[in-house]
Amino acid sequence: MFNERKALQMTLQALLEQRMVLRRQYVDQDKQLGADIKQILSRIREMDAQEGIEEDEYTQEVATTTEEAPDELTKRMKVRKAHVRHDYLEVAKQINSLLRETMSPMSLVELCDELKRRHAVEFASPYIGVQKSLKYLPQVKVEKDGRKLIFSLPAE
């Protein structure tokens, strides 16, 4: 049993590595083909410009399809938000003022939406960003309502 499991793990690892190699190869080939197509199109445009011929529909169509293809690929890929450094003390003050202003409990989503709308504060990971800010706000009460986190200030 152990030997079979070990063999399956090794096979899985080999397949995953082969998959990564194929992906890299595909991306490299796609980039190369894109560069070749652009070079040929620019040469055709040069020749047409020398002869005084305007671009025909075919070259315009090819140019648009070469420009659209990478967009289609990038739409399928998961895009990570850019890392932004936040002043968590300042964000904590903004959270405190939001909770005081509303005087009602707010969910994580509501809190982050308000921070984004009012102060242009957007976290790559809302939970982590708010937790880092709450280190400066020990008075904020954090509760769970099912799977939601609810933030509130104690009644004064």
N, C-alpha and C. Protein backbone atom coordinates (compact mmCIF):
# COMPACT_ATOMS: atom_id res chain seq x y z
N MET A 1 0.83 -1.20 0.00
CA MET A 1 0.00 0.00 0.00
C MET A 1 0.87 1.26 0.00
N PHE A 2 1.86 1.30 0.90
CA PHE A 2 2.73 2.47 0.98
C PHE A 2 3.51 2.67 -0.31
N ASN A 3 4.00 1.61 -0.91
CA ASN A 3 4.77 1.72 -2.15
C ASN A 3 3.91 2.24 -3.29
N GLU A 4 2.66 1.77 -3.33
CA GLU A 4 1.75 2.24 -4.39
C GLU A 4 1.45 3.73 -4.21
N ARG A 5 1.23 4.14 -2.95
CA ARG A 5 0.95 5.54 -2.67
C ARG A 5 2.15 6.41 -3.05
N LYS A 6 3.33 5.95 -2.70
CA LYS A 6 4.55 6.69 -3.02
C LYS A 6 4.72 6.80 -4.54
N ALA A 7 4.43 5.71 -5.25
CA ALA A 7 4.53 5.71 -6.71
C ALA A 7 3.53 6.69 -7.31
N LEU A 8 2.31 6.72 -6.76
CA LEU A 8 1.29 7.65 -7.26
C LEU A 8 1.70 9.10 -7.00
N GLN A 9 2.28 9.36 -5.84
CA GLN A 9 2.75 10.71 -5.54
C GLN A 9 3.85 11.14 -6.50
N MET A 10 4.76 10.23 -6.79
CA MET A 10 5.85 10.54 -7.71
C MET A 10 5.31 10.79 -9.12
N THR A 11 4.33 10.00 -9.53
CA THR A 11 3.71 10.19 -10.84
C THR A 11 3.00 11.53 -10.91
N LEU A 12 2.27 11.84 -9.84
CA LEU A 12 1.57 13.13 -9.78
C LEU A 12 2.55 14.28 -9.87
N GLN A 13 3.64 14.20 -9.14
CA GLN A 13 4.65 15.26 -9.16
C GLN A 13 5.23 15.43 -10.56
N ALA A 14 5.52 14.31 -11.22
CA ALA A 14 6.07 14.36 -12.58
C ALA A 14 5.07 15.00 -13.54
N LEU A 15 3.80 14.64 -13.41
CA LEU A 15 2.77 15.23 -14.28
C LEU A 15 2.61 16.72 -14.05
N LEU A 16 2.66 17.14 -12.78
CA LEU A 16 2.56 18.57 -12.48
C LEU A 16 3.74 19.35 -13.05
N GLU A 17 4.93 18.79 -12.95
CA GLU A 17 6.11 19.44 -13.51
C GLU A 17 6.02 19.52 -15.03
N GLN A 18 5.55 18.46 -15.64
CA GLN A 18 5.39 18.44 -17.10
C GLN A 18 4.37 19.48 -17.54
N ARG A 19 3.31 19.62 -16.76
CA ARG A 19 2.27 20.62 -17.05
C ARG A 19 2.84 22.03 -17.01
N MET A 20 3.68 22.32 -15.99
CA MET A 20 4.29 23.64 -15.88
C MET A 20 5.21 23.93 -17.06
N VAL A 21 5.96 22.92 -17.47
CA VAL A 21 6.87 23.08 -18.62
C VAL A 21 6.06 23.41 -19.87
N LEU A 22 4.96 22.70 -20.06
CA LEU A 22 4.11 22.95 -21.24
C LEU A 22 3.51 24.34 -21.21
N ARG A 23 3.09 24.79 -20.03
CA ARG A 23 2.53 26.15 -19.92
C ARG A 23 3.57 27.20 -20.27
N ARG A 24 4.77 27.04 -19.71
CA ARG A 24 5.84 28.00 -20.01
C ARG A 24 6.15 28.00 -21.50
N GLN A 25 6.24 26.82 -22.07
CA GLN A 25 6.54 26.68 -23.50
C GLN A 25 5.45 27.36 -24.33
N TYR A 26 4.20 27.16 -23.95
CA TYR A 26 3.09 27.77 -24.68
C TYR A 26 3.17 29.28 -24.63
N VAL A 27 3.41 29.82 -23.44
CA VAL A 27 3.50 31.27 -23.29
C VAL A 27 4.66 31.83 -24.10
N ASP A 28 5.81 31.16 -24.05
CA ASP A 28 6.97 31.61 -24.82
C ASP A 28 6.69 31.59 -26.32
N GLN A 29 6.07 30.51 -26.79
CA GLN A 29 5.74 30.41 -28.22
C GLN A 29 4.73 31.48 -28.62
N ASP A 30 3.75 31.72 -27.77
CA ASP A 30 2.74 32.74 -28.06
C ASP A 30 3.38 34.12 -28.17
N LYS A 31 4.28 34.42 -27.25
CA LYS A 31 4.98 35.71 -27.30
C LYS A 31 5.81 35.83 -28.57
N GLN A 32 6.49 34.77 -28.94
CA GLN A 32 7.33 34.79 -30.14
C GLN A 32 6.47 34.99 -31.39
N LEU A 33 5.37 34.25 -31.47
CA LEU A 33 4.48 34.41 -32.63
C LEU A 33 3.91 35.82 -32.69
N GLY A 34 3.55 36.37 -31.54
CA GLY A 34 3.03 37.74 -31.49
C GLY A 34 4.06 38.73 -32.00
N ALA A 35 5.31 38.56 -31.59
CA ALA A 35 6.37 39.45 -32.04
C ALA A 35 6.60 39.32 -33.55
N ASP A 36 6.58 38.07 -34.06
CA ASP A 36 6.74 37.85 -35.49
C ASP A 36 5.62 38.50 -36.29
N ILE A 37 4.40 38.35 -35.80
CA ILE A 37 3.24 38.93 -36.50
C ILE A 37 3.35 40.45 -36.52
N LYS A 38 3.72 41.06 -35.39
CA LYS A 38 3.87 42.52 -35.35
C LYS A 38 4.94 42.99 -36.32
N GLN A 39 6.05 42.25 -36.38
CA GLN A 39 7.14 42.62 -37.27
C GLN A 39 6.68 42.56 -38.73
N ILE A 40 5.97 41.51 -39.10
CA ILE A 40 5.48 41.37 -40.47
C ILE A 40 4.48 42.47 -40.79
N LEU A 41 3.57 42.74 -39.84
CA LEU A 41 2.58 43.80 -40.07
C LEU A 41 3.25 45.16 -40.25
N SER A 42 4.25 45.44 -39.45
CA SER A 42 4.93 46.73 -39.59
C SER A 42 5.64 46.82 -40.93
N ARG A 43 6.22 45.70 -41.39
CA ARG A 43 6.90 45.68 -42.70
C ARG A 43 5.88 45.89 -43.81
N ILE A 44 4.71 45.26 -43.71
CA ILE A 44 3.65 45.45 -44.72
C ILE A 44 3.21 46.90 -44.74
N ARG A 45 3.06 47.50 -43.57
CA ARG A 45 2.64 48.91 -43.50
C ARG A 45 3.69 49.81 -44.12
N GLU A 46 4.97 49.50 -43.85
CA GLU A 46 6.06 50.28 -44.46
C GLU A 46 5.98 50.23 -45.98
N MET A 47 5.82 49.00 -46.50
CA MET A 47 5.77 48.83 -47.96
C MET A 47 4.56 49.55 -48.54
N ASP A 48 3.42 49.46 -47.85
CA ASP A 48 2.22 50.14 -48.33
C ASP A 48 2.39 51.65 -48.29
N ALA A 49 3.06 52.14 -47.25
CA ALA A 49 3.27 53.58 -47.13
C ALA A 49 4.19 54.08 -48.24
N GLN A 50 5.20 53.28 -48.61
CA GLN A 50 6.12 53.67 -49.67
C GLN A 50 5.40 53.73 -51.01
N GLU A 51 4.46 52.82 -51.21
CA GLU A 51 3.74 52.78 -52.47
C GLU A 51 2.50 53.65 -52.45
N GLY A 52 2.20 54.24 -51.30
CA GLY A 52 1.04 55.11 -51.20
C GLY A 52 -0.27 54.35 -51.10
N ILE A 53 -0.21 53.12 -50.71
CA ILE A 53 -1.42 52.31 -50.57
C ILE A 53 -1.91 52.42 -49.13
N GLU A 54 -3.21 52.57 -48.97
CA GLU A 54 -3.77 52.59 -47.62
C GLU A 54 -3.91 51.16 -47.12
N GLU A 55 -4.00 51.03 -45.77
CA GLU A 55 -4.14 49.69 -45.19
C GLU A 55 -5.42 49.03 -45.70
N ASP A 56 -5.29 47.76 -46.03
CA ASP A 56 -6.48 47.04 -46.46
C ASP A 56 -7.16 46.41 -45.24
N GLU A 57 -8.37 45.91 -45.46
CA GLU A 57 -9.15 45.34 -44.37
C GLU A 57 -8.45 44.16 -43.73
N TYR A 58 -7.74 43.36 -44.52
CA TYR A 58 -7.11 42.15 -43.99
C TYR A 58 -6.05 42.49 -42.95
N THR A 59 -5.17 43.46 -43.25
CA THR A 59 -4.11 43.79 -42.29
C THR A 59 -4.71 44.43 -41.04
N GLN A 60 -5.79 45.21 -41.21
CA GLN A 60 -6.43 45.79 -40.03
C GLN A 60 -7.04 44.70 -39.16
N GLU A 61 -7.66 43.71 -39.82
CA GLU A 61 -8.29 42.60 -39.09
C GLU A 61 -7.23 41.78 -38.34
N VAL A 62 -6.11 41.50 -39.01
CA VAL A 62 -5.04 40.73 -38.38
C VAL A 62 -4.47 41.52 -37.20
N ALA A 63 -4.30 42.81 -37.38
CA ALA A 63 -3.75 43.64 -36.31
C ALA A 63 -4.67 43.63 -35.09
N THR A 64 -5.96 43.72 -35.31
CA THR A 64 -6.88 43.71 -34.17
C THR A 64 -6.92 42.35 -33.50
N THR A 65 -6.85 41.26 -34.26
CA THR A 65 -6.88 39.94 -33.63
C THR A 65 -5.60 39.67 -32.85
N THR A 66 -4.46 40.19 -33.31
CA THR A 66 -3.23 39.96 -32.54
C THR A 66 -3.24 40.79 -31.26
N GLU A 67 -3.91 41.93 -31.28
CA GLU A 67 -3.98 42.74 -30.07
C GLU A 67 -5.00 42.18 -29.09
N GLU A 68 -6.06 41.53 -29.57
CA GLU A 68 -7.11 41.01 -28.69
C GLU A 68 -6.72 39.69 -28.04
N ALA A 69 -5.92 38.89 -28.68
CA ALA A 69 -5.61 37.56 -28.16
C ALA A 69 -5.01 37.58 -26.76
N PRO A 70 -4.02 38.42 -26.46
CA PRO A 70 -3.49 38.41 -25.09
C PRO A 70 -4.54 38.82 -24.06
N ASP A 71 -5.47 39.72 -24.43
CA ASP A 71 -6.51 40.13 -23.51
C ASP A 71 -7.38 38.94 -23.11
N GLU A 72 -7.71 38.09 -24.07
CA GLU A 72 -8.52 36.91 -23.78
C GLU A 72 -7.80 36.00 -22.81
N LEU A 73 -6.50 35.86 -22.98
CA LEU A 73 -5.73 35.00 -22.09
C LEU A 73 -5.65 35.58 -20.69
N THR A 74 -5.46 36.89 -20.59
CA THR A 74 -5.32 37.50 -19.28
C THR A 74 -6.64 37.53 -18.53
N LYS A 75 -7.77 37.54 -19.22
CA LYS A 75 -9.06 37.52 -18.53
C LYS A 75 -9.23 36.23 -17.75
N ARG A 76 -8.72 35.12 -18.29
CA ARG A 76 -8.87 33.83 -17.64
C ARG A 76 -7.93 33.67 -16.45
N MET A 77 -6.85 34.43 -16.45
CA MET A 77 -5.88 34.31 -15.38
C MET A 77 -6.34 35.12 -14.16
N LYS A 78 -6.05 34.61 -12.98
CA LYS A 78 -6.41 35.30 -11.75
C LYS A 78 -5.47 36.49 -11.58
N VAL A 79 -6.03 37.63 -11.37
CA VAL A 79 -5.24 38.84 -11.23
C VAL A 79 -5.13 39.20 -9.75
N ARG A 80 -3.91 39.39 -9.30
CA ARG A 80 -3.70 39.78 -7.91
C ARG A 80 -3.69 41.30 -7.81
N LYS A 81 -4.24 41.79 -6.73
CA LYS A 81 -4.21 43.23 -6.50
C LYS A 81 -2.79 43.63 -6.14
N ALA A 82 -2.44 44.82 -6.56
CA ALA A 82 -1.10 45.32 -6.26
C ALA A 82 -0.94 45.54 -4.76
N HIS A 83 0.23 45.26 -4.26
CA HIS A 83 0.50 45.43 -2.82
C HIS A 83 0.60 46.91 -2.51
N VAL A 84 -0.22 47.34 -1.56
CA VAL A 84 -0.21 48.74 -1.15
C VAL A 84 0.08 48.77 0.35
N ARG A 85 1.01 49.60 0.74
CA ARG A 85 1.31 49.75 2.17
C ARG A 85 0.28 50.70 2.76
N HIS A 86 -0.29 50.29 3.89
CA HIS A 86 -1.28 51.12 4.57
C HIS A 86 -0.74 51.59 5.90
N ASP A 87 -1.17 52.77 6.30
CA ASP A 87 -0.89 53.26 7.65
C ASP A 87 -2.04 52.74 8.51
N TYR A 88 -1.80 51.61 9.19
CA TYR A 88 -2.88 50.94 9.91
C TYR A 88 -3.40 51.77 11.08
N LEU A 89 -2.56 52.62 11.66
CA LEU A 89 -3.02 53.51 12.72
C LEU A 89 -4.05 54.49 12.16
N GLU A 90 -3.77 55.04 10.99
CA GLU A 90 -4.70 55.96 10.34
C GLU A 90 -5.99 55.23 9.94
N VAL A 91 -5.86 54.02 9.41
CA VAL A 91 -7.04 53.23 9.04
C VAL A 91 -7.86 52.92 10.28
N ALA A 92 -7.17 52.64 11.40
CA ALA A 92 -7.88 52.37 12.65
C ALA A 92 -8.71 53.58 13.08
N LYS A 93 -8.16 54.77 12.92
CA LYS A 93 -8.90 55.99 13.26
C LYS A 93 -10.13 56.12 12.35
N GLN A 94 -9.97 55.79 11.07
CA GLN A 94 -11.09 55.87 10.13
C GLN A 94 -12.17 54.83 10.49
N ILE A 95 -11.75 53.63 10.89
CA ILE A 95 -12.70 52.60 11.30
C ILE A 95 -13.45 53.06 12.54
N ASN A 96 -12.72 53.61 13.48
CA ASN A 96 -13.34 54.10 14.72
C ASN A 96 -14.39 55.17 14.41
N SER A 97 -14.04 56.11 13.54
CA SER A 97 -15.01 57.17 13.21
C SER A 97 -16.22 56.61 12.47
N LEU A 98 -16.01 55.63 11.60
CA LEU A 98 -17.14 55.01 10.89
C LEU A 98 -18.08 54.32 11.88
N LEU A 99 -17.52 53.57 12.82
CA LEU A 99 -18.35 52.86 13.79
C LEU A 99 -19.07 53.83 14.73
N ARG A 100 -18.40 54.92 15.11
CA ARG A 100 -19.04 55.93 15.96
C ARG A 100 -20.17 56.63 15.20
N GLU A 101 -19.93 56.91 13.94
CA GLU A 101 -20.91 57.62 13.13
C GLU A 101 -22.18 56.80 12.93
N THR A 102 -22.01 55.53 12.60
CA THR A 102 -23.19 54.70 12.34
C THR A 102 -23.84 54.23 13.63
N MET A 103 -23.05 54.05 14.69
CA MET A 103 -23.52 53.55 15.98
C MET A 103 -24.33 52.26 15.85
N SER A 104 -24.04 51.52 14.79
CA SER A 104 -24.65 50.20 14.63
C SER A 104 -23.56 49.24 14.16
N PRO A 105 -23.71 47.97 14.47
CA PRO A 105 -22.69 47.00 14.04
C PRO A 105 -22.55 46.97 12.52
N MET A 106 -21.33 46.74 12.06
CA MET A 106 -21.05 46.67 10.63
C MET A 106 -20.35 45.36 10.32
N SER A 107 -20.71 44.77 9.18
CA SER A 107 -20.02 43.56 8.75
C SER A 107 -18.69 43.94 8.12
N LEU A 108 -17.86 42.95 7.92
CA LEU A 108 -16.55 43.18 7.30
C LEU A 108 -16.73 43.79 5.91
N VAL A 109 -17.67 43.28 5.15
CA VAL A 109 -17.91 43.78 3.79
C VAL A 109 -18.38 45.23 3.83
N GLU A 110 -19.32 45.53 4.72
CA GLU A 110 -19.82 46.91 4.83
C GLU A 110 -18.70 47.86 5.24
N LEU A 111 -17.91 47.42 6.21
CA LEU A 111 -16.81 48.24 6.70
C LEU A 111 -15.80 48.54 5.59
N CYS A 112 -15.43 47.50 4.84
CA CYS A 112 -14.47 47.68 3.75
C CYS A 112 -15.05 48.53 2.62
N ASP A 113 -16.33 48.35 2.34
CA ASP A 113 -16.97 49.18 1.30
C ASP A 113 -16.95 50.65 1.69
N GLU A 114 -17.25 50.94 2.95
CA GLU A 114 -17.24 52.34 3.42
C GLU A 114 -15.82 52.91 3.40
N LEU A 115 -14.83 52.10 3.82
CA LEU A 115 -13.44 52.57 3.79
C LEU A 115 -13.02 52.89 2.36
N LYS A 116 -13.43 52.05 1.44
CA LYS A 116 -13.08 52.27 0.04
C LYS A 116 -13.78 53.51 -0.51
N ARG A 117 -15.05 53.64 -0.20
CA ARG A 117 -15.84 54.75 -0.73
C ARG A 117 -15.40 56.09 -0.16
N ARG A 118 -15.23 56.15 1.15
CA ARG A 118 -14.94 57.43 1.81
C ARG A 118 -13.46 57.81 1.84
N HIS A 119 -12.60 56.80 2.01
CA HIS A 119 -11.18 57.10 2.23
C HIS A 119 -10.25 56.48 1.19
N ALA A 120 -10.81 55.83 0.19
CA ALA A 120 -10.02 55.18 -0.87
C ALA A 120 -9.03 54.17 -0.29
N VAL A 121 -9.46 53.47 0.77
CA VAL A 121 -8.63 52.43 1.38
C VAL A 121 -9.15 51.10 0.90
N GLU A 122 -8.29 50.35 0.20
CA GLU A 122 -8.70 49.04 -0.29
C GLU A 122 -7.59 48.05 0.05
N PHE A 123 -7.99 46.97 0.71
CA PHE A 123 -7.02 45.96 1.11
C PHE A 123 -7.02 44.82 0.10
N ALA A 124 -5.84 44.24 -0.13
CA ALA A 124 -5.76 43.05 -0.98
C ALA A 124 -6.51 41.92 -0.29
N SER A 125 -6.38 41.84 1.01
CA SER A 125 -7.13 40.88 1.82
C SER A 125 -7.86 41.67 2.90
N PRO A 126 -9.16 41.88 2.74
CA PRO A 126 -9.91 42.71 3.71
C PRO A 126 -9.78 42.21 5.15
N TYR A 127 -9.89 40.92 5.36
CA TYR A 127 -9.83 40.39 6.72
C TYR A 127 -8.50 40.74 7.38
N ILE A 128 -7.41 40.51 6.69
CA ILE A 128 -6.08 40.78 7.26
C ILE A 128 -5.88 42.28 7.48
N GLY A 129 -6.31 43.09 6.52
CA GLY A 129 -6.16 44.53 6.66
C GLY A 129 -6.92 45.07 7.85
N VAL A 130 -8.15 44.63 8.03
CA VAL A 130 -8.95 45.10 9.16
C VAL A 130 -8.36 44.58 10.47
N GLN A 131 -7.92 43.32 10.49
CA GLN A 131 -7.33 42.77 11.72
C GLN A 131 -6.08 43.55 12.13
N LYS A 132 -5.25 43.93 11.17
CA LYS A 132 -4.05 44.72 11.49
C LYS A 132 -4.43 46.09 12.03
N SER A 133 -5.50 46.65 11.52
CA SER A 133 -5.96 47.96 12.00
C SER A 133 -6.56 47.85 13.39
N LEU A 134 -7.25 46.75 13.67
CA LEU A 134 -7.91 46.58 14.96
C LEU A 134 -6.92 46.40 16.11
N LYS A 135 -5.66 46.14 15.79
CA LYS A 135 -4.65 46.08 16.86
C LYS A 135 -4.58 47.41 17.60
N TYR A 136 -4.91 48.50 16.92
CA TYR A 136 -4.89 49.83 17.50
C TYR A 136 -6.23 50.22 18.11
N LEU A 137 -7.23 49.32 17.99
CA LEU A 137 -8.56 49.60 18.52
C LEU A 137 -9.04 48.45 19.42
N PRO A 138 -8.47 48.33 20.62
CA PRO A 138 -8.88 47.23 21.49
C PRO A 138 -10.34 47.33 21.94
N GLN A 139 -10.94 48.53 21.86
CA GLN A 139 -12.32 48.71 22.31
C GLN A 139 -13.35 48.17 21.31
N VAL A 140 -12.94 47.90 20.08
CA VAL A 140 -13.89 47.39 19.07
C VAL A 140 -14.22 45.94 19.39
N LYS A 141 -15.52 45.65 19.40
CA LYS A 141 -15.99 44.31 19.70
C LYS A 141 -16.19 43.56 18.38
N VAL A 142 -15.62 42.35 18.30
CA VAL A 142 -15.73 41.53 17.09
C VAL A 142 -16.56 40.30 17.43
N GLU A 143 -17.66 40.10 16.69
CA GLU A 143 -18.53 38.95 16.90
C GLU A 143 -18.73 38.24 15.58
N LYS A 144 -19.21 37.02 15.69
CA LYS A 144 -19.52 36.26 14.47
C LYS A 144 -21.02 36.07 14.41
N ASP A 145 -21.56 36.29 13.22
CA ASP A 145 -22.97 36.01 12.95
C ASP A 145 -22.98 35.00 11.80
N GLY A 146 -22.99 33.73 12.14
CA GLY A 146 -22.83 32.70 11.12
C GLY A 146 -21.40 32.74 10.63
N ARG A 147 -21.24 33.04 9.35
CA ARG A 147 -19.89 33.14 8.78
C ARG A 147 -19.42 34.59 8.68
N LYS A 148 -20.29 35.54 9.05
CA LYS A 148 -19.94 36.96 8.94
C LYS A 148 -19.29 37.45 10.22
N LEU A 149 -18.32 38.33 10.04
CA LEU A 149 -17.73 39.04 11.18
C LEU A 149 -18.47 40.36 11.33
N ILE A 150 -18.83 40.68 12.56
CA ILE A 150 -19.55 41.92 12.85
C ILE A 150 -18.70 42.74 13.80
N PHE A 151 -18.49 44.01 13.46
CA PHE A 151 -17.69 44.91 14.25
C PHE A 151 -18.58 45.98 14.85
N SER A 152 -18.36 46.27 16.14
CA SER A 152 -19.16 47.31 16.81
C SER A 152 -18.35 47.91 17.95
N LEU A 153 -18.82 49.08 18.38
CA LEU A 153 -18.23 49.74 19.54
C LEU A 153 -19.16 49.48 20.74
N PRO A 154 -18.59 49.31 21.92
CA PRO A 154 -19.47 49.09 23.08
C PRO A 154 -20.29 50.33 23.38
N ALA A 155 -21.49 50.13 23.91
CA ALA A 155 -22.36 51.27 24.26
C ALA A 155 -21.72 52.04 25.39
N GLU A 156 -21.76 53.36 25.26
CA GLU A 156 -21.12 54.21 26.29
C GLU A 156 -22.12 54.71 27.28
